[in-house]
Amino acid sequence: MKRNRIAKGFKVALLVVVASVVFGFVVKSLWNWLMPAIFGLHLITFWQGLGLFLLGKVLFGGFHGRHGGGGHWRGRMRARWESMTPEERERFRQGMKGCCSPFASSAIPRQQAVEENLR
């Protein structure tokens, strides 16, 4: 069992290293292709590309896992949906059509539709 854990840990570490090298190379290549031509900036090295990738992850993505796809929000919405009566569900659907569809008629103002759905 312990040997299996060590092998799995080694595979994960190897995957992290390979992914870091690939993403660092991709960031460096994209930077060197676009930024000097568009903004007149200097070329960067692989390590600078890797640093930019890590900085972007910290600032915009973080390093947390995305287990479950929707997490806590999806579970709360599912529980709320299941507690609705069929009439409330239909009213919710109609309100969302009026507020979120790009081709919806503007008969119901957006704020009014949102307020109706929250009741």
Protein backbone atom coordinates (compact mmCIF):
# COMPACT_ATOMS: atom_id res chain seq x y z
CA MET A 1 0.00 0.00 0.00
CA LYS A 2 2.81 2.39 0.92
CA ARG A 3 4.64 1.59 -2.31
CA ASN A 4 1.50 2.45 -4.31
CA ARG A 5 1.30 5.84 -2.54
CA ILE A 6 4.92 6.61 -3.31
CA ALA A 7 4.44 5.70 -6.97
CA LYS A 8 1.31 7.86 -7.18
CA GLY A 9 3.12 10.78 -5.51
CA PHE A 10 6.00 10.42 -7.95
CA LYS A 11 3.60 10.43 -10.92
CA VAL A 12 1.83 13.55 -9.62
CA ALA A 13 5.16 15.33 -9.06
CA LEU A 14 6.31 14.37 -12.56
CA LEU A 15 3.04 15.62 -14.03
CA VAL A 16 3.41 18.95 -12.20
CA VAL A 17 6.96 19.39 -13.50
CA VAL A 18 5.99 18.52 -17.09
CA ALA A 19 2.93 20.80 -16.98
CA SER A 20 5.05 23.64 -15.56
CA VAL A 21 7.61 23.27 -18.34
CA VAL A 22 4.89 23.18 -21.01
CA PHE A 23 2.98 26.18 -19.63
CA GLY A 24 6.18 28.15 -19.10
CA PHE A 25 7.19 27.50 -22.70
CA VAL A 26 3.73 28.43 -23.99
CA VAL A 27 3.66 31.72 -22.03
CA LYS A 28 7.20 32.58 -23.18
CA SER A 29 6.37 31.80 -26.80
CA LEU A 30 3.13 33.77 -26.79
CA TRP A 31 4.78 36.74 -25.07
CA ASN A 32 7.72 36.77 -27.46
CA TRP A 33 5.40 36.46 -30.45
CA LEU A 34 2.83 39.10 -29.46
CA MET A 35 4.12 41.63 -26.96
CA PRO A 36 7.19 42.98 -28.82
CA ALA A 37 5.18 43.42 -32.01
CA ILE A 38 2.13 45.00 -30.33
CA PHE A 39 3.60 47.00 -27.45
CA GLY A 40 7.32 47.12 -28.22
CA LEU A 41 8.26 45.16 -25.08
CA HIS A 42 11.41 43.07 -24.64
CA LEU A 43 11.66 39.33 -25.21
CA ILE A 44 11.53 37.12 -22.11
CA THR A 45 13.25 33.90 -21.06
CA PHE A 46 11.66 30.59 -20.15
CA TRP A 47 12.01 31.35 -16.43
CA GLN A 48 10.31 34.70 -16.83
CA GLY A 49 7.51 32.99 -18.77
CA LEU A 50 7.13 30.45 -15.98
CA GLY A 51 7.07 33.30 -13.46
CA LEU A 52 4.36 35.09 -15.44
CA PHE A 53 2.32 31.89 -15.56
CA LEU A 54 2.61 31.42 -11.80
CA LEU A 55 1.79 35.08 -11.17
CA GLY A 56 -1.31 34.77 -13.34
CA LYS A 57 -2.40 31.65 -11.44
CA VAL A 58 -1.97 33.40 -8.11
CA LEU A 59 -3.77 36.58 -9.19
CA PHE A 60 -6.56 35.14 -11.33
CA GLY A 61 -6.90 31.39 -10.88
CA GLY A 62 -5.44 30.27 -7.62
CA PHE A 63 -4.25 26.74 -7.00
CA HIS A 64 -7.39 25.28 -5.47
CA GLY A 65 -9.03 22.25 -7.04
CA ARG A 66 -12.34 22.50 -8.79
CA HIS A 67 -13.89 19.31 -7.50
CA GLY A 68 -17.54 18.76 -8.33
CA GLY A 69 -17.87 21.36 -11.05
CA GLY A 70 -20.20 23.70 -9.18
CA GLY A 71 -19.40 23.09 -5.58
CA HIS A 72 -21.41 24.66 -2.83
CA TRP A 73 -23.38 27.01 -5.08
CA ARG A 74 -24.73 24.20 -7.24
CA GLY A 75 -25.85 22.20 -4.19
CA ARG A 76 -27.67 25.18 -2.71
CA MET A 77 -29.44 25.91 -6.00
CA ARG A 78 -30.46 22.25 -6.37
CA ALA A 79 -31.90 22.20 -2.85
CA ARG A 80 -33.75 25.45 -3.51
CA TRP A 81 -35.11 24.13 -6.82
CA GLU A 82 -36.31 20.89 -5.21
CA SER A 83 -38.13 22.82 -2.49
CA MET A 84 -40.11 24.85 -5.06
CA THR A 85 -43.62 23.93 -6.11
CA PRO A 86 -44.24 23.32 -9.84
CA GLU A 87 -45.90 26.75 -10.08
CA GLU A 88 -42.89 28.46 -8.52
CA ARG A 89 -40.57 26.62 -10.89
CA GLU A 90 -42.56 27.75 -13.90
CA ARG A 91 -42.63 31.34 -12.63
CA PHE A 92 -38.86 31.16 -12.15
CA ARG A 93 -38.36 29.84 -15.69
CA GLN A 94 -40.51 32.61 -17.13
CA GLY A 95 -38.62 35.24 -15.14
CA MET A 96 -35.28 33.90 -16.32
CA LYS A 97 -36.47 33.95 -19.94
CA GLY A 98 -37.40 37.58 -19.57
CA CYS A 99 -34.13 38.58 -18.00
CA CYS A 100 -31.35 36.33 -19.29
CA SER A 101 -32.24 35.38 -22.82
CA PRO A 102 -30.50 37.51 -25.46
CA PHE A 103 -33.65 37.40 -27.61
CA ALA A 104 -36.15 38.03 -24.83
CA SER A 105 -38.71 40.74 -25.22
CA SER A 106 -38.22 43.73 -23.00
CA ALA A 107 -41.77 43.47 -21.62
CA ILE A 108 -40.45 42.74 -18.12
CA PRO A 109 -37.69 45.06 -16.98
CA ARG A 110 -34.59 43.19 -15.89
CA GLN A 111 -34.62 44.37 -12.25
CA GLN A 112 -38.29 43.46 -11.84
CA ALA A 113 -37.67 39.95 -13.20
CA VAL A 114 -34.76 39.44 -10.83
CA GLU A 115 -36.78 40.66 -7.86
CA GLU A 116 -39.66 38.32 -8.74
CA ASN A 117 -37.28 35.35 -8.89
CA LEU A 118 -35.83 36.12 -5.47
CA ARG A 119 -39.21 36.08 -3.72
